[in-house]
Amino acid sequence: MMVEVFVKNMVCNRCIKVIKNELLEAGVAVTKVELGRVVYKSKNIACDSKKLEKVLDENGFELLEGDDKILIEKVKLSLIRLLENLPLQKSGTLSRYLSKETKIDYSRLSRIFSYTENITVEKYFIKLKIEKVKELIQSKQYNFTQISQLLDYTNVNYLSRQFKAETGMNLSQYKKLNNNFRNSLDQIL
């Protein structure tokens, strides 16, 4: 029997690799692992489920149960994936993009997200973008104007104001820090 489960806190390719390798080592017949989702074959669901939960727990992940929690994780992962390929490639508004990605009406999606996470989808996306800005500053490949263009800001001043509002410092101050700090994507909220 094929079993599909949804996993919280899978935010990168390293997460996928860790979960896949650990599950295979535990004897779970994994067929697919992607951000937020694991599919495996099982002859003994109770046994494999315990193995899965143990692997997830030991590695800082958790099994998602309930449609709302799964939806929220899909939203988060859609936004993280959106920021993986720069320049930002979304046609239209964020609400239209998320509705298309999740196949759920945005007003419902937004209401569930805000209620459960105590933050709006838009504010969460801003936090993700600021972490991406930090990453791009640390890479030293782009200047501030290029970073603002890559992340679809209307201008560098808008990015700068948003960065300062989120971090308490301006872009130049952050760039000068020897010990730059970034938040893990699974800890953003």
N, C-alpha and C. Protein backbone atom coordinates (compact mmCIF):
# COMPACT_ATOMS: atom_id res chain seq x y z
N MET A 1 0.84 -1.18 0.00
CA MET A 1 0.00 0.00 0.00
C MET A 1 0.88 1.24 0.00
N MET A 2 0.51 2.23 -0.81
CA MET A 2 1.24 3.50 -0.85
C MET A 2 0.70 4.42 0.23
N VAL A 3 1.62 5.05 0.96
CA VAL A 3 1.25 5.97 2.03
C VAL A 3 1.90 7.32 1.74
N GLU A 4 1.09 8.37 1.85
CA GLU A 4 1.58 9.73 1.67
C GLU A 4 1.42 10.47 2.99
N VAL A 5 2.51 11.10 3.44
CA VAL A 5 2.45 11.89 4.67
C VAL A 5 3.07 13.26 4.41
N PHE A 6 2.66 14.21 5.23
CA PHE A 6 3.17 15.57 5.12
C PHE A 6 4.00 15.88 6.36
N VAL A 7 5.11 16.58 6.12
CA VAL A 7 6.12 16.79 7.16
C VAL A 7 6.37 18.28 7.34
N LYS A 8 6.42 18.70 8.60
CA LYS A 8 6.69 20.09 8.94
C LYS A 8 8.19 20.31 9.08
N ASN A 9 8.64 21.49 8.68
CA ASN A 9 10.02 21.97 8.83
C ASN A 9 10.99 21.49 7.75
N MET A 10 10.52 20.88 6.70
CA MET A 10 11.40 20.52 5.59
C MET A 10 11.53 21.75 4.70
N VAL A 11 12.67 22.40 4.73
CA VAL A 11 12.81 23.67 4.03
C VAL A 11 13.93 23.70 3.00
N CYS A 12 14.67 22.61 2.85
CA CYS A 12 15.79 22.64 1.91
C CYS A 12 16.10 21.25 1.38
N ASN A 13 16.98 21.20 0.40
CA ASN A 13 17.38 19.92 -0.18
C ASN A 13 18.10 19.03 0.83
N ARG A 14 18.80 19.64 1.76
CA ARG A 14 19.48 18.87 2.81
C ARG A 14 18.45 18.13 3.68
N CYS A 15 17.33 18.78 3.94
CA CYS A 15 16.25 18.14 4.70
C CYS A 15 15.75 16.89 3.97
N ILE A 16 15.56 17.04 2.67
CA ILE A 16 15.09 15.91 1.86
C ILE A 16 16.08 14.75 1.94
N LYS A 17 17.35 15.08 1.77
CA LYS A 17 18.40 14.05 1.79
C LYS A 17 18.45 13.33 3.14
N VAL A 18 18.42 14.08 4.22
CA VAL A 18 18.48 13.50 5.56
C VAL A 18 17.30 12.56 5.79
N ILE A 19 16.10 13.04 5.50
CA ILE A 19 14.91 12.22 5.74
C ILE A 19 14.93 10.96 4.87
N LYS A 20 15.26 11.13 3.61
CA LYS A 20 15.28 9.97 2.71
C LYS A 20 16.29 8.94 3.19
N ASN A 21 17.51 9.36 3.47
CA ASN A 21 18.55 8.43 3.91
C ASN A 21 18.20 7.75 5.23
N GLU A 22 17.68 8.52 6.17
CA GLU A 22 17.34 7.97 7.49
C GLU A 22 16.18 6.97 7.38
N LEU A 23 15.20 7.29 6.56
CA LEU A 23 14.07 6.37 6.39
C LEU A 23 14.50 5.07 5.70
N LEU A 24 15.34 5.20 4.68
CA LEU A 24 15.84 4.00 4.01
C LEU A 24 16.65 3.14 4.98
N GLU A 25 17.47 3.79 5.79
CA GLU A 25 18.27 3.08 6.79
C GLU A 25 17.38 2.38 7.82
N ALA A 26 16.24 2.99 8.12
CA ALA A 26 15.30 2.41 9.10
C ALA A 26 14.45 1.30 8.48
N GLY A 27 14.58 1.10 7.18
CA GLY A 27 13.86 0.02 6.53
C GLY A 27 12.51 0.42 5.95
N VAL A 28 12.28 1.71 5.78
CA VAL A 28 11.03 2.19 5.17
C VAL A 28 11.25 2.26 3.66
N ALA A 29 10.33 1.71 2.90
CA ALA A 29 10.44 1.65 1.43
C ALA A 29 10.00 2.97 0.80
N VAL A 30 10.87 3.96 0.88
CA VAL A 30 10.59 5.31 0.38
C VAL A 30 10.54 5.31 -1.14
N THR A 31 9.50 5.91 -1.69
CA THR A 31 9.41 6.05 -3.14
C THR A 31 9.63 7.50 -3.58
N LYS A 32 9.29 8.46 -2.70
CA LYS A 32 9.48 9.86 -3.06
C LYS A 32 9.58 10.71 -1.80
N VAL A 33 10.55 11.62 -1.81
CA VAL A 33 10.68 12.61 -0.75
C VAL A 33 10.87 13.96 -1.42
N GLU A 34 10.02 14.90 -1.08
CA GLU A 34 10.14 16.27 -1.57
C GLU A 34 9.82 17.20 -0.42
N LEU A 35 10.02 18.48 -0.61
CA LEU A 35 9.76 19.43 0.47
C LEU A 35 8.37 19.21 1.05
N GLY A 36 8.32 18.86 2.31
CA GLY A 36 7.05 18.74 3.01
C GLY A 36 6.26 17.47 2.77
N ARG A 37 6.82 16.52 2.02
CA ARG A 37 6.02 15.35 1.65
C ARG A 37 6.90 14.11 1.50
N VAL A 38 6.40 12.99 2.03
CA VAL A 38 7.07 11.70 1.89
C VAL A 38 6.04 10.68 1.41
N VAL A 39 6.43 9.88 0.43
CA VAL A 39 5.59 8.80 -0.06
C VAL A 39 6.39 7.51 0.09
N TYR A 40 5.74 6.50 0.67
CA TYR A 40 6.43 5.22 0.85
C TYR A 40 5.47 4.06 0.69
N LYS A 41 6.04 2.89 0.39
CA LYS A 41 5.26 1.66 0.30
C LYS A 41 5.30 0.99 1.66
N SER A 42 4.18 0.43 2.06
CA SER A 42 4.14 -0.21 3.37
C SER A 42 3.29 -1.47 3.34
N LYS A 43 3.83 -2.52 3.94
CA LYS A 43 3.06 -3.74 4.14
C LYS A 43 2.52 -3.76 5.56
N ASN A 44 3.18 -3.03 6.45
CA ASN A 44 2.78 -2.95 7.84
C ASN A 44 2.77 -1.47 8.24
N ILE A 45 1.62 -0.82 8.05
CA ILE A 45 1.52 0.63 8.25
C ILE A 45 1.86 1.03 9.69
N ALA A 46 1.41 0.29 10.66
CA ALA A 46 1.68 0.63 12.06
C ALA A 46 3.19 0.63 12.33
N CYS A 47 3.88 -0.38 11.87
CA CYS A 47 5.33 -0.50 12.09
C CYS A 47 6.08 0.62 11.35
N ASP A 48 5.77 0.80 10.07
CA ASP A 48 6.44 1.83 9.27
C ASP A 48 6.13 3.23 9.78
N SER A 49 4.92 3.42 10.27
CA SER A 49 4.53 4.72 10.82
C SER A 49 5.37 5.06 12.05
N LYS A 50 5.61 4.08 12.89
CA LYS A 50 6.46 4.29 14.09
C LYS A 50 7.89 4.63 13.67
N LYS A 51 8.40 3.92 12.67
CA LYS A 51 9.75 4.20 12.17
C LYS A 51 9.82 5.62 11.62
N LEU A 52 8.81 5.98 10.84
CA LEU A 52 8.76 7.32 10.26
C LEU A 52 8.75 8.39 11.34
N GLU A 53 7.87 8.25 12.31
CA GLU A 53 7.78 9.24 13.38
C GLU A 53 9.08 9.34 14.17
N LYS A 54 9.74 8.21 14.40
CA LYS A 54 11.02 8.21 15.12
C LYS A 54 12.08 8.98 14.34
N VAL A 55 12.19 8.70 13.05
CA VAL A 55 13.16 9.40 12.20
C VAL A 55 12.87 10.89 12.17
N LEU A 56 11.62 11.26 11.99
CA LEU A 56 11.26 12.68 11.94
C LEU A 56 11.59 13.36 13.26
N ASP A 57 11.22 12.75 14.36
CA ASP A 57 11.46 13.32 15.68
C ASP A 57 12.95 13.49 15.95
N GLU A 58 13.74 12.49 15.63
CA GLU A 58 15.19 12.54 15.88
C GLU A 58 15.89 13.62 15.06
N ASN A 59 15.27 14.04 13.97
CA ASN A 59 15.91 15.01 13.08
C ASN A 59 15.24 16.38 13.09
N GLY A 60 14.34 16.62 14.04
CA GLY A 60 13.74 17.94 14.20
C GLY A 60 12.58 18.23 13.27
N PHE A 61 11.96 17.19 12.74
CA PHE A 61 10.79 17.36 11.88
C PHE A 61 9.57 16.83 12.61
N GLU A 62 8.40 17.13 12.08
CA GLU A 62 7.21 16.55 12.69
C GLU A 62 6.17 16.22 11.64
N LEU A 63 5.43 15.19 11.92
CA LEU A 63 4.37 14.73 11.04
C LEU A 63 3.20 15.70 11.14
N LEU A 64 2.67 16.09 10.01
CA LEU A 64 1.52 17.00 9.99
C LEU A 64 0.24 16.20 9.83
N GLU A 65 -0.71 16.53 10.68
CA GLU A 65 -2.02 15.90 10.58
C GLU A 65 -3.08 16.99 10.59
N GLY A 66 -4.05 16.84 9.76
CA GLY A 66 -5.12 17.83 9.66
C GLY A 66 -4.95 18.68 8.42
N ASP A 67 -6.04 18.91 7.74
CA ASP A 67 -6.02 19.65 6.47
C ASP A 67 -5.46 21.06 6.62
N ASP A 68 -5.80 21.76 7.69
CA ASP A 68 -5.33 23.13 7.87
C ASP A 68 -3.81 23.19 8.04
N LYS A 69 -3.26 22.29 8.84
CA LYS A 69 -1.81 22.28 9.05
C LYS A 69 -1.07 21.93 7.76
N ILE A 70 -1.62 21.01 7.01
CA ILE A 70 -1.02 20.63 5.73
C ILE A 70 -1.08 21.81 4.76
N LEU A 71 -2.20 22.51 4.73
CA LEU A 71 -2.34 23.68 3.86
C LEU A 71 -1.32 24.75 4.22
N ILE A 72 -1.16 25.03 5.49
CA ILE A 72 -0.21 26.05 5.93
C ILE A 72 1.21 25.67 5.50
N GLU A 73 1.55 24.41 5.66
CA GLU A 73 2.89 23.97 5.25
C GLU A 73 3.05 24.09 3.73
N LYS A 74 2.01 23.80 2.99
CA LYS A 74 2.07 23.96 1.53
C LYS A 74 2.30 25.42 1.15
N VAL A 75 1.65 26.33 1.85
CA VAL A 75 1.83 27.76 1.59
C VAL A 75 3.29 28.14 1.87
N LYS A 76 3.80 27.74 3.02
CA LYS A 76 5.18 28.08 3.38
C LYS A 76 6.16 27.53 2.36
N LEU A 77 5.98 26.29 1.97
CA LEU A 77 6.90 25.66 1.03
C LEU A 77 6.78 26.29 -0.36
N SER A 78 5.59 26.68 -0.76
CA SER A 78 5.42 27.36 -2.04
C SER A 78 6.19 28.68 -2.06
N LEU A 79 6.15 29.39 -0.95
CA LEU A 79 6.87 30.66 -0.86
C LEU A 79 8.38 30.45 -0.82
N ILE A 80 8.82 29.44 -0.11
CA ILE A 80 10.25 29.13 -0.06
C ILE A 80 10.75 28.74 -1.45
N ARG A 81 9.98 27.89 -2.14
CA ARG A 81 10.37 27.49 -3.50
C ARG A 81 10.39 28.69 -4.45
N LEU A 82 9.46 29.61 -4.26
CA LEU A 82 9.42 30.81 -5.10
C LEU A 82 10.72 31.60 -4.99
N LEU A 83 11.31 31.63 -3.80
CA LEU A 83 12.53 32.39 -3.58
C LEU A 83 13.80 31.63 -3.97
N GLU A 84 13.67 30.38 -4.36
CA GLU A 84 14.85 29.60 -4.75
C GLU A 84 15.41 30.04 -6.09
N ASN A 85 14.56 30.43 -7.01
CA ASN A 85 15.00 30.80 -8.35
C ASN A 85 14.84 32.29 -8.56
N LEU A 86 15.98 32.96 -8.64
CA LEU A 86 15.95 34.41 -8.84
C LEU A 86 16.36 34.74 -10.26
N PRO A 87 15.82 35.81 -10.85
CA PRO A 87 14.89 36.75 -10.24
C PRO A 87 13.54 36.10 -9.96
N LEU A 88 12.85 36.69 -9.01
CA LEU A 88 11.55 36.20 -8.58
C LEU A 88 10.63 36.01 -9.78
N GLN A 89 10.04 34.83 -9.90
CA GLN A 89 9.23 34.48 -11.07
C GLN A 89 7.79 34.21 -10.68
N LYS A 90 7.06 35.23 -10.39
CA LYS A 90 5.63 35.03 -10.15
C LYS A 90 4.88 36.01 -11.03
N SER A 91 3.92 35.48 -11.73
CA SER A 91 3.13 36.38 -12.57
C SER A 91 1.90 36.79 -11.77
N GLY A 92 1.68 38.07 -11.69
CA GLY A 92 0.53 38.56 -10.94
C GLY A 92 0.83 38.71 -9.46
N THR A 93 -0.21 38.69 -8.68
CA THR A 93 -0.10 38.95 -7.25
C THR A 93 0.29 37.70 -6.48
N LEU A 94 0.72 37.92 -5.26
CA LEU A 94 1.06 36.81 -4.37
C LEU A 94 -0.18 35.96 -4.11
N SER A 95 -1.32 36.59 -3.96
CA SER A 95 -2.55 35.84 -3.70
C SER A 95 -2.90 34.93 -4.87
N ARG A 96 -2.75 35.42 -6.08
CA ARG A 96 -3.03 34.61 -7.26
C ARG A 96 -2.04 33.45 -7.37
N TYR A 97 -0.78 33.74 -7.09
CA TYR A 97 0.26 32.69 -7.14
C TYR A 97 -0.06 31.57 -6.15
N LEU A 98 -0.39 31.94 -4.91
CA LEU A 98 -0.66 30.92 -3.89
C LEU A 98 -1.94 30.15 -4.15
N SER A 99 -2.94 30.83 -4.66
CA SER A 99 -4.18 30.13 -5.02
C SER A 99 -3.92 29.08 -6.09
N LYS A 100 -3.10 29.45 -7.05
CA LYS A 100 -2.77 28.52 -8.14
C LYS A 100 -1.93 27.35 -7.59
N GLU A 101 -0.96 27.64 -6.73
CA GLU A 101 -0.08 26.60 -6.18
C GLU A 101 -0.82 25.61 -5.29
N THR A 102 -1.74 26.13 -4.48
CA THR A 102 -2.42 25.28 -3.50
C THR A 102 -3.79 24.79 -3.98
N LYS A 103 -4.29 25.42 -5.05
CA LYS A 103 -5.63 25.11 -5.58
C LYS A 103 -6.72 25.39 -4.54
N ILE A 104 -6.50 26.43 -3.73
CA ILE A 104 -7.44 26.85 -2.69
C ILE A 104 -7.70 28.34 -2.86
N ASP A 105 -8.92 28.76 -2.65
CA ASP A 105 -9.27 30.17 -2.70
C ASP A 105 -8.42 30.96 -1.71
N TYR A 106 -7.84 32.07 -2.17
CA TYR A 106 -6.91 32.82 -1.33
C TYR A 106 -7.54 33.34 -0.05
N SER A 107 -8.78 33.77 -0.09
CA SER A 107 -9.39 34.32 1.13
C SER A 107 -9.45 33.24 2.21
N ARG A 108 -9.77 32.01 1.83
CA ARG A 108 -9.81 30.90 2.79
C ARG A 108 -8.39 30.58 3.28
N LEU A 109 -7.49 30.49 2.35
CA LEU A 109 -6.10 30.18 2.65
C LEU A 109 -5.52 31.23 3.61
N SER A 110 -5.75 32.49 3.30
CA SER A 110 -5.24 33.59 4.11
C SER A 110 -5.82 33.58 5.52
N ARG A 111 -7.11 33.32 5.61
CA ARG A 111 -7.79 33.29 6.91
C ARG A 111 -7.22 32.15 7.79
N ILE A 112 -7.06 30.98 7.21
CA ILE A 112 -6.51 29.83 7.96
C ILE A 112 -5.08 30.10 8.38
N PHE A 113 -4.28 30.64 7.46
CA PHE A 113 -2.88 30.92 7.75
C PHE A 113 -2.76 31.93 8.90
N SER A 114 -3.48 33.04 8.78
CA SER A 114 -3.41 34.09 9.81
C SER A 114 -3.88 33.60 11.16
N TYR A 115 -4.96 32.84 11.17
CA TYR A 115 -5.51 32.34 12.43
C TYR A 115 -4.54 31.37 13.10
N THR A 116 -3.96 30.47 12.33
CA THR A 116 -3.10 29.43 12.89
C THR A 116 -1.71 29.94 13.24
N GLU A 117 -1.14 30.78 12.38
CA GLU A 117 0.25 31.22 12.55
C GLU A 117 0.39 32.58 13.23
N ASN A 118 -0.71 33.28 13.45
CA ASN A 118 -0.69 34.61 14.06
C ASN A 118 0.15 35.62 13.28
N ILE A 119 0.15 35.46 11.97
CA ILE A 119 0.85 36.37 11.07
C ILE A 119 0.18 36.23 9.71
N THR A 120 0.14 37.31 8.96
CA THR A 120 -0.46 37.22 7.63
C THR A 120 0.51 36.53 6.67
N VAL A 121 -0.02 36.02 5.59
CA VAL A 121 0.80 35.40 4.55
C VAL A 121 1.79 36.43 4.01
N GLU A 122 1.32 37.64 3.79
CA GLU A 122 2.17 38.69 3.24
C GLU A 122 3.34 39.01 4.17
N LYS A 123 3.06 39.11 5.46
CA LYS A 123 4.11 39.40 6.45
C LYS A 123 5.12 38.24 6.51
N TYR A 124 4.62 37.03 6.44
CA TYR A 124 5.50 35.86 6.43
C TYR A 124 6.41 35.91 5.19
N PHE A 125 5.85 36.26 4.04
CA PHE A 125 6.64 36.34 2.81
C PHE A 125 7.70 37.43 2.91
N ILE A 126 7.37 38.54 3.53
CA ILE A 126 8.35 39.61 3.74
C ILE A 126 9.51 39.08 4.58
N LYS A 127 9.20 38.35 5.64
CA LYS A 127 10.25 37.77 6.49
C LYS A 127 11.14 36.82 5.69
N LEU A 128 10.54 36.01 4.83
CA LEU A 128 11.34 35.11 3.97
C LEU A 128 12.23 35.92 3.03
N LYS A 129 11.67 36.97 2.45
CA LYS A 129 12.44 37.79 1.52
C LYS A 129 13.61 38.46 2.23
N ILE A 130 13.41 38.90 3.45
CA ILE A 130 14.49 39.54 4.21
C ILE A 130 15.61 38.54 4.48
N GLU A 131 15.25 37.30 4.77
CA GLU A 131 16.29 36.27 4.96
C GLU A 131 17.04 36.02 3.66
N LYS A 132 16.34 36.09 2.54
CA LYS A 132 16.99 35.94 1.24
C LYS A 132 17.91 37.12 0.97
N VAL A 133 17.49 38.32 1.35
CA VAL A 133 18.34 39.50 1.21
C VAL A 133 19.63 39.29 2.00
N LYS A 134 19.51 38.83 3.22
CA LYS A 134 20.70 38.57 4.05
C LYS A 134 21.64 37.58 3.36
N GLU A 135 21.06 36.52 2.82
CA GLU A 135 21.85 35.51 2.11
C GLU A 135 22.58 36.14 0.93
N LEU A 136 21.88 36.96 0.16
CA LEU A 136 22.47 37.59 -1.02
C LEU A 136 23.55 38.60 -0.64
N ILE A 137 23.35 39.32 0.46
CA ILE A 137 24.37 40.26 0.94
C ILE A 137 25.63 39.47 1.33
N GLN A 138 25.44 38.38 2.04
CA GLN A 138 26.59 37.57 2.48
C GLN A 138 27.34 36.95 1.31
N SER A 139 26.63 36.65 0.23
CA SER A 139 27.28 36.04 -0.94
C SER A 139 28.21 37.04 -1.64
N LYS A 140 27.98 38.33 -1.45
CA LYS A 140 28.78 39.41 -2.04
C LYS A 140 28.80 39.38 -3.56
N GLN A 141 27.78 38.79 -4.17
CA GLN A 141 27.70 38.73 -5.63
C GLN A 141 26.92 39.90 -6.22
N TYR A 142 26.08 40.53 -5.39
CA TYR A 142 25.19 41.55 -5.91
C TYR A 142 25.25 42.81 -5.05
N ASN A 143 25.00 43.96 -5.69
CA ASN A 143 24.86 45.18 -4.90
C ASN A 143 23.40 45.31 -4.46
N PHE A 144 23.10 46.30 -3.67
CA PHE A 144 21.75 46.43 -3.10
C PHE A 144 20.69 46.64 -4.18
N THR A 145 21.01 47.40 -5.21
CA THR A 145 20.05 47.62 -6.29
C THR A 145 19.74 46.31 -7.01
N GLN A 146 20.77 45.53 -7.29
CA GLN A 146 20.57 44.24 -7.95
C GLN A 146 19.73 43.30 -7.08
N ILE A 147 20.00 43.30 -5.78
CA ILE A 147 19.22 42.46 -4.86
C ILE A 147 17.76 42.87 -4.89
N SER A 148 17.51 44.18 -4.86
CA SER A 148 16.11 44.65 -4.88
C SER A 148 15.42 44.23 -6.18
N GLN A 149 16.13 44.24 -7.28
CA GLN A 149 15.55 43.83 -8.56
C GLN A 149 15.31 42.32 -8.58
N LEU A 150 16.24 41.53 -8.07
CA LEU A 150 16.09 40.08 -8.04
C LEU A 150 14.86 39.66 -7.24
N LEU A 151 14.56 40.42 -6.18
CA LEU A 151 13.45 40.07 -5.30
C LEU A 151 12.18 40.85 -5.60
N ASP A 152 12.14 41.51 -6.75
CA ASP A 152 10.94 42.17 -7.26
C ASP A 152 10.47 43.34 -6.40
N TYR A 153 11.42 44.06 -5.80
CA TYR A 153 11.07 45.30 -5.11
C TYR A 153 10.99 46.40 -6.15
N THR A 154 10.11 47.37 -5.95
CA THR A 154 9.96 48.45 -6.93
C THR A 154 11.22 49.32 -6.99
N ASN A 155 11.91 49.45 -5.86
CA ASN A 155 13.19 50.18 -5.85
C ASN A 155 13.98 49.81 -4.59
N VAL A 156 15.23 50.20 -4.57
CA VAL A 156 16.11 49.83 -3.46
C VAL A 156 15.69 50.53 -2.16
N ASN A 157 15.07 51.70 -2.26
CA ASN A 157 14.62 52.40 -1.04
C ASN A 157 13.52 51.62 -0.33
N TYR A 158 12.63 51.04 -1.11
CA TYR A 158 11.56 50.24 -0.51
C TYR A 158 12.15 49.01 0.20
N LEU A 159 13.09 48.35 -0.45
CA LEU A 159 13.78 47.21 0.18
C LEU A 159 14.47 47.67 1.45
N SER A 160 15.15 48.77 1.39
CA SER A 160 15.90 49.28 2.54
C SER A 160 14.98 49.57 3.73
N ARG A 161 13.83 50.21 3.47
CA ARG A 161 12.87 50.50 4.55
C ARG A 161 12.33 49.21 5.16
N GLN A 162 12.00 48.25 4.30
CA GLN A 162 11.47 46.97 4.79
C GLN A 162 12.53 46.21 5.58
N PHE A 163 13.76 46.23 5.11
CA PHE A 163 14.86 45.55 5.80
C PHE A 163 15.07 46.15 7.18
N LYS A 164 15.07 47.47 7.25
CA LYS A 164 15.26 48.15 8.54
C LYS A 164 14.10 47.85 9.50
N ALA A 165 12.89 47.84 8.98
CA ALA A 165 11.72 47.55 9.82
C ALA A 165 11.80 46.13 10.39
N GLU A 166 12.33 45.19 9.63
CA GLU A 166 12.41 43.79 10.07
C GLU A 166 13.62 43.50 10.95
N THR A 167 14.75 44.14 10.65
CA THR A 167 16.00 43.78 11.34
C THR A 167 16.48 44.84 12.34
N GLY A 168 15.98 46.06 12.19
CA GLY A 168 16.43 47.14 13.07
C GLY A 168 17.70 47.81 12.58
N MET A 169 18.21 47.40 11.43
CA MET A 169 19.41 48.03 10.87
C MET A 169 19.23 48.20 9.37
N ASN A 170 20.02 49.12 8.82
CA ASN A 170 19.92 49.29 7.38
C ASN A 170 20.82 48.29 6.66
N LEU A 171 20.70 48.25 5.35
CA LEU A 171 21.44 47.26 4.55
C LEU A 171 22.95 47.38 4.73
N SER A 172 23.46 48.61 4.74
CA SER A 172 24.91 48.82 4.89
C SER A 172 25.40 48.36 6.26
N GLN A 173 24.64 48.64 7.29
CA GLN A 173 25.03 48.19 8.63
C GLN A 173 25.11 46.67 8.67
N TYR A 174 24.14 46.01 8.07
CA TYR A 174 24.15 44.55 8.06
C TYR A 174 25.36 44.02 7.28
N LYS A 175 25.65 44.66 6.16
CA LYS A 175 26.78 44.22 5.32
C LYS A 175 28.11 44.35 6.07
N LYS A 176 28.22 45.36 6.92
CA LYS A 176 29.47 45.59 7.65
C LYS A 176 29.68 44.62 8.82
N LEU A 177 28.61 43.98 9.26
CA LEU A 177 28.75 43.04 10.38
C LEU A 177 29.69 41.90 10.01
N ASN A 178 30.61 41.59 10.89
CA ASN A 178 31.49 40.45 10.65
C ASN A 178 30.76 39.15 10.92
N ASN A 179 29.87 39.19 11.88
CA ASN A 179 29.13 37.99 12.27
C ASN A 179 27.67 38.17 11.84
N ASN A 180 27.44 38.03 10.56
CA ASN A 180 26.08 38.19 10.03
C ASN A 180 25.18 37.11 10.62
N PHE A 181 23.97 37.49 10.93
CA PHE A 181 23.02 36.53 11.50
C PHE A 181 21.86 36.33 10.55
N ARG A 182 21.49 35.07 10.41
CA ARG A 182 20.33 34.74 9.60
C ARG A 182 19.48 33.77 10.40
N ASN A 183 18.19 33.83 10.14
CA ASN A 183 17.26 32.93 10.79
C ASN A 183 17.01 31.71 9.90
N SER A 184 16.92 30.56 10.52
CA SER A 184 16.59 29.35 9.78
C SER A 184 15.17 29.49 9.25
N LEU A 185 14.95 29.05 8.01
CA LEU A 185 13.64 29.21 7.39
C LEU A 185 12.52 28.50 8.15
N ASP A 186 12.86 27.40 8.82
CA ASP A 186 11.82 26.71 9.58
C ASP A 186 11.50 27.39 10.90
N GLN A 187 12.29 28.41 11.25
CA GLN A 187 12.04 29.13 12.51
C GLN A 187 11.41 30.50 12.29
N ILE A 188 11.11 30.83 11.05
CA ILE A 188 10.54 32.16 10.77
C ILE A 188 9.08 32.20 11.15
N LEU A 189 8.73 33.11 11.98
CA LEU A 189 7.36 33.46 12.35
C LEU A 189 7.37 34.47 13.41
